[in-house]
Amino acid sequence: MTGDLVHILTDDLKLPAERLTDDASLDHAGFDSLAVVELSVLLTDRYGIDISDSDIKDATTLGRLDLLIISKRSGR
């Protein structure tokens, strides 16, 4: 996982750092429906990328979420 995502998850969303691994499910990492919405808004505000709530939920693991964010940031 990239440092950017880790910082957002720990600093902004206040998720527990010890649960943040590439293979962790969103549920295991501490995501609830509010965290999904907040992450979507943060990504739009900080990086100008549009990742919907359903895209975040569909990622299933933090590693896949990280790849999705990287892909969106690079314009793919």
N, C-alpha and C. Protein backbone atom coordinates (compact mmCIF):
# COMPACT_ATOMS: atom_id res chain seq x y z
N MET A 1 0.84 -1.18 0.00
CA MET A 1 0.00 0.00 0.00
C MET A 1 0.89 1.24 0.00
N THR A 2 0.48 2.25 -0.74
CA THR A 2 1.27 3.48 -0.79
C THR A 2 1.09 4.28 0.49
N GLY A 3 2.07 5.11 0.76
CA GLY A 3 2.03 5.95 1.94
C GLY A 3 0.86 6.91 1.95
N ASP A 4 0.47 7.41 0.76
CA ASP A 4 -0.66 8.34 0.68
C ASP A 4 -1.92 7.71 1.24
N LEU A 5 -2.20 6.49 0.82
CA LEU A 5 -3.41 5.82 1.29
C LEU A 5 -3.33 5.54 2.79
N VAL A 6 -2.19 5.10 3.25
CA VAL A 6 -2.03 4.83 4.68
C VAL A 6 -2.28 6.10 5.50
N HIS A 7 -1.73 7.23 5.04
CA HIS A 7 -1.94 8.49 5.77
C HIS A 7 -3.41 8.90 5.79
N ILE A 8 -4.08 8.75 4.67
CA ILE A 8 -5.50 9.08 4.63
C ILE A 8 -6.29 8.20 5.60
N LEU A 9 -6.00 6.90 5.56
CA LEU A 9 -6.75 5.97 6.40
C LEU A 9 -6.49 6.17 7.89
N THR A 10 -5.25 6.46 8.24
CA THR A 10 -4.93 6.62 9.67
C THR A 10 -5.18 8.03 10.17
N ASP A 11 -4.76 9.03 9.41
CA ASP A 11 -4.87 10.41 9.88
C ASP A 11 -6.26 11.01 9.70
N ASP A 12 -6.85 10.77 8.54
CA ASP A 12 -8.16 11.37 8.26
C ASP A 12 -9.33 10.51 8.71
N LEU A 13 -9.26 9.23 8.42
CA LEU A 13 -10.37 8.35 8.77
C LEU A 13 -10.21 7.68 10.13
N LYS A 14 -9.03 7.83 10.72
CA LYS A 14 -8.75 7.30 12.07
C LYS A 14 -8.91 5.79 12.17
N LEU A 15 -8.52 5.09 11.10
CA LEU A 15 -8.56 3.63 11.14
C LEU A 15 -7.29 3.12 11.83
N PRO A 16 -7.37 2.00 12.51
CA PRO A 16 -6.22 1.48 13.26
C PRO A 16 -5.11 0.98 12.33
N ALA A 17 -3.91 1.53 12.47
CA ALA A 17 -2.78 1.23 11.59
C ALA A 17 -2.44 -0.26 11.56
N GLU A 18 -2.61 -0.94 12.68
CA GLU A 18 -2.24 -2.36 12.73
C GLU A 18 -3.14 -3.24 11.87
N ARG A 19 -4.25 -2.72 11.44
CA ARG A 19 -5.17 -3.49 10.58
C ARG A 19 -4.99 -3.21 9.10
N LEU A 20 -4.09 -2.30 8.76
CA LEU A 20 -3.95 -1.85 7.38
C LEU A 20 -2.88 -2.63 6.65
N THR A 21 -3.29 -3.73 6.05
CA THR A 21 -2.41 -4.54 5.23
C THR A 21 -3.03 -4.68 3.85
N ASP A 22 -2.20 -5.01 2.86
CA ASP A 22 -2.70 -5.13 1.49
C ASP A 22 -3.84 -6.13 1.35
N ASP A 23 -3.76 -7.21 2.11
CA ASP A 23 -4.79 -8.25 1.96
C ASP A 23 -5.96 -8.10 2.93
N ALA A 24 -5.97 -7.03 3.72
CA ALA A 24 -7.07 -6.81 4.67
C ALA A 24 -8.34 -6.41 3.92
N SER A 25 -9.44 -7.00 4.31
CA SER A 25 -10.72 -6.58 3.74
C SER A 25 -11.06 -5.20 4.29
N LEU A 26 -11.94 -4.51 3.60
CA LEU A 26 -12.35 -3.20 4.08
C LEU A 26 -13.00 -3.30 5.45
N ASP A 27 -13.80 -4.34 5.66
CA ASP A 27 -14.44 -4.54 6.96
C ASP A 27 -13.40 -4.74 8.05
N HIS A 28 -12.41 -5.59 7.79
CA HIS A 28 -11.36 -5.86 8.79
C HIS A 28 -10.57 -4.59 9.10
N ALA A 29 -10.36 -3.75 8.10
CA ALA A 29 -9.60 -2.52 8.31
C ALA A 29 -10.38 -1.49 9.13
N GLY A 30 -11.69 -1.69 9.27
CA GLY A 30 -12.49 -0.78 10.08
C GLY A 30 -13.42 0.12 9.29
N PHE A 31 -13.53 -0.14 7.99
CA PHE A 31 -14.43 0.67 7.17
C PHE A 31 -15.88 0.41 7.54
N ASP A 32 -16.64 1.47 7.63
CA ASP A 32 -18.10 1.39 7.71
C ASP A 32 -18.63 2.24 6.56
N SER A 33 -19.92 2.36 6.44
CA SER A 33 -20.48 3.09 5.29
C SER A 33 -20.05 4.56 5.30
N LEU A 34 -19.92 5.15 6.47
CA LEU A 34 -19.48 6.55 6.55
C LEU A 34 -18.03 6.70 6.09
N ALA A 35 -17.17 5.78 6.46
CA ALA A 35 -15.76 5.84 6.05
C ALA A 35 -15.64 5.73 4.53
N VAL A 36 -16.47 4.91 3.91
CA VAL A 36 -16.45 4.77 2.45
C VAL A 36 -16.80 6.11 1.80
N VAL A 37 -17.85 6.76 2.27
CA VAL A 37 -18.26 8.06 1.73
C VAL A 37 -17.17 9.10 1.97
N GLU A 38 -16.63 9.12 3.18
CA GLU A 38 -15.57 10.09 3.50
C GLU A 38 -14.35 9.89 2.61
N LEU A 39 -13.96 8.65 2.37
CA LEU A 39 -12.81 8.39 1.52
C LEU A 39 -13.07 8.87 0.10
N SER A 40 -14.24 8.63 -0.41
CA SER A 40 -14.60 9.07 -1.75
C SER A 40 -14.46 10.59 -1.86
N VAL A 41 -14.97 11.30 -0.87
CA VAL A 41 -14.90 12.77 -0.86
C VAL A 41 -13.45 13.24 -0.73
N LEU A 42 -12.67 12.62 0.15
CA LEU A 42 -11.27 13.00 0.33
C LEU A 42 -10.47 12.81 -0.95
N LEU A 43 -10.70 11.72 -1.65
CA LEU A 43 -9.96 11.46 -2.88
C LEU A 43 -10.31 12.49 -3.96
N THR A 44 -11.55 12.90 -4.00
CA THR A 44 -11.95 13.93 -4.95
C THR A 44 -11.32 15.26 -4.58
N ASP A 45 -11.38 15.64 -3.31
CA ASP A 45 -10.83 16.92 -2.85
C ASP A 45 -9.31 16.99 -3.02
N ARG A 46 -8.60 15.94 -2.66
CA ARG A 46 -7.13 15.98 -2.67
C ARG A 46 -6.52 15.72 -4.03
N TYR A 47 -7.10 14.79 -4.76
CA TYR A 47 -6.45 14.36 -6.00
C TYR A 47 -7.28 14.64 -7.25
N GLY A 48 -8.49 15.12 -7.07
CA GLY A 48 -9.34 15.41 -8.22
C GLY A 48 -9.78 14.17 -8.98
N ILE A 49 -9.82 13.05 -8.28
CA ILE A 49 -10.26 11.81 -8.93
C ILE A 49 -11.63 11.41 -8.41
N ASP A 50 -12.39 10.82 -9.30
CA ASP A 50 -13.75 10.42 -8.95
C ASP A 50 -13.79 8.90 -8.77
N ILE A 51 -13.87 8.49 -7.51
CA ILE A 51 -14.04 7.08 -7.19
C ILE A 51 -15.31 6.97 -6.37
N SER A 52 -16.27 6.27 -6.92
CA SER A 52 -17.58 6.18 -6.26
C SER A 52 -17.53 5.27 -5.03
N ASP A 53 -18.54 5.40 -4.21
CA ASP A 53 -18.67 4.53 -3.04
C ASP A 53 -18.67 3.07 -3.47
N SER A 54 -19.40 2.77 -4.54
CA SER A 54 -19.49 1.38 -4.99
C SER A 54 -18.14 0.89 -5.53
N ASP A 55 -17.35 1.77 -6.18
CA ASP A 55 -16.01 1.39 -6.63
C ASP A 55 -15.13 1.02 -5.43
N ILE A 56 -15.24 1.79 -4.37
CA ILE A 56 -14.45 1.52 -3.16
C ILE A 56 -14.87 0.18 -2.57
N LYS A 57 -16.16 -0.04 -2.43
CA LYS A 57 -16.65 -1.30 -1.87
C LYS A 57 -16.27 -2.50 -2.73
N ASP A 58 -16.29 -2.31 -4.05
CA ASP A 58 -15.95 -3.40 -4.98
C ASP A 58 -14.47 -3.78 -4.93
N ALA A 59 -13.63 -2.91 -4.41
CA ALA A 59 -12.19 -3.19 -4.34
C ALA A 59 -11.90 -4.38 -3.43
N THR A 60 -12.70 -4.63 -2.45
CA THR A 60 -12.67 -5.75 -1.49
C THR A 60 -11.48 -5.80 -0.55
N THR A 61 -10.27 -5.44 -1.00
CA THR A 61 -9.11 -5.41 -0.10
C THR A 61 -8.43 -4.05 -0.21
N LEU A 62 -7.62 -3.72 0.78
CA LEU A 62 -6.91 -2.45 0.75
C LEU A 62 -5.89 -2.41 -0.39
N GLY A 63 -5.29 -3.55 -0.70
CA GLY A 63 -4.36 -3.60 -1.81
C GLY A 63 -5.03 -3.28 -3.14
N ARG A 64 -6.21 -3.83 -3.35
CA ARG A 64 -6.97 -3.55 -4.57
C ARG A 64 -7.45 -2.10 -4.60
N LEU A 65 -7.83 -1.59 -3.45
CA LEU A 65 -8.24 -0.18 -3.36
C LEU A 65 -7.07 0.72 -3.73
N ASP A 66 -5.89 0.40 -3.23
CA ASP A 66 -4.70 1.18 -3.54
C ASP A 66 -4.43 1.17 -5.04
N LEU A 67 -4.54 0.00 -5.67
CA LEU A 67 -4.33 -0.09 -7.12
C LEU A 67 -5.36 0.73 -7.89
N LEU A 68 -6.60 0.72 -7.42
CA LEU A 68 -7.65 1.51 -8.06
C LEU A 68 -7.31 3.00 -7.99
N ILE A 69 -6.87 3.46 -6.83
CA ILE A 69 -6.52 4.86 -6.65
C ILE A 69 -5.33 5.24 -7.54
N ILE A 70 -4.32 4.39 -7.57
CA ILE A 70 -3.15 4.64 -8.42
C ILE A 70 -3.56 4.72 -9.89
N SER A 71 -4.42 3.81 -10.30
CA SER A 71 -4.90 3.79 -11.66
C SER A 71 -5.66 5.06 -12.01
N LYS A 72 -6.54 5.50 -11.13
CA LYS A 72 -7.32 6.71 -11.35
C LYS A 72 -6.42 7.95 -11.38
N ARG A 73 -5.43 7.98 -10.50
CA ARG A 73 -4.51 9.13 -10.44
C ARG A 73 -3.64 9.23 -11.68
N SER A 74 -3.35 8.10 -12.30
CA SER A 74 -2.51 8.12 -13.50
C SER A 74 -3.35 8.28 -14.77
N GLY A 75 -4.66 8.36 -14.59
CA GLY A 75 -5.56 8.61 -15.72
C GLY A 75 -5.95 7.39 -16.52
N ARG A 76 -5.76 6.22 -15.94
CA ARG A 76 -6.13 4.99 -16.66
C ARG A 76 -7.54 4.58 -16.39
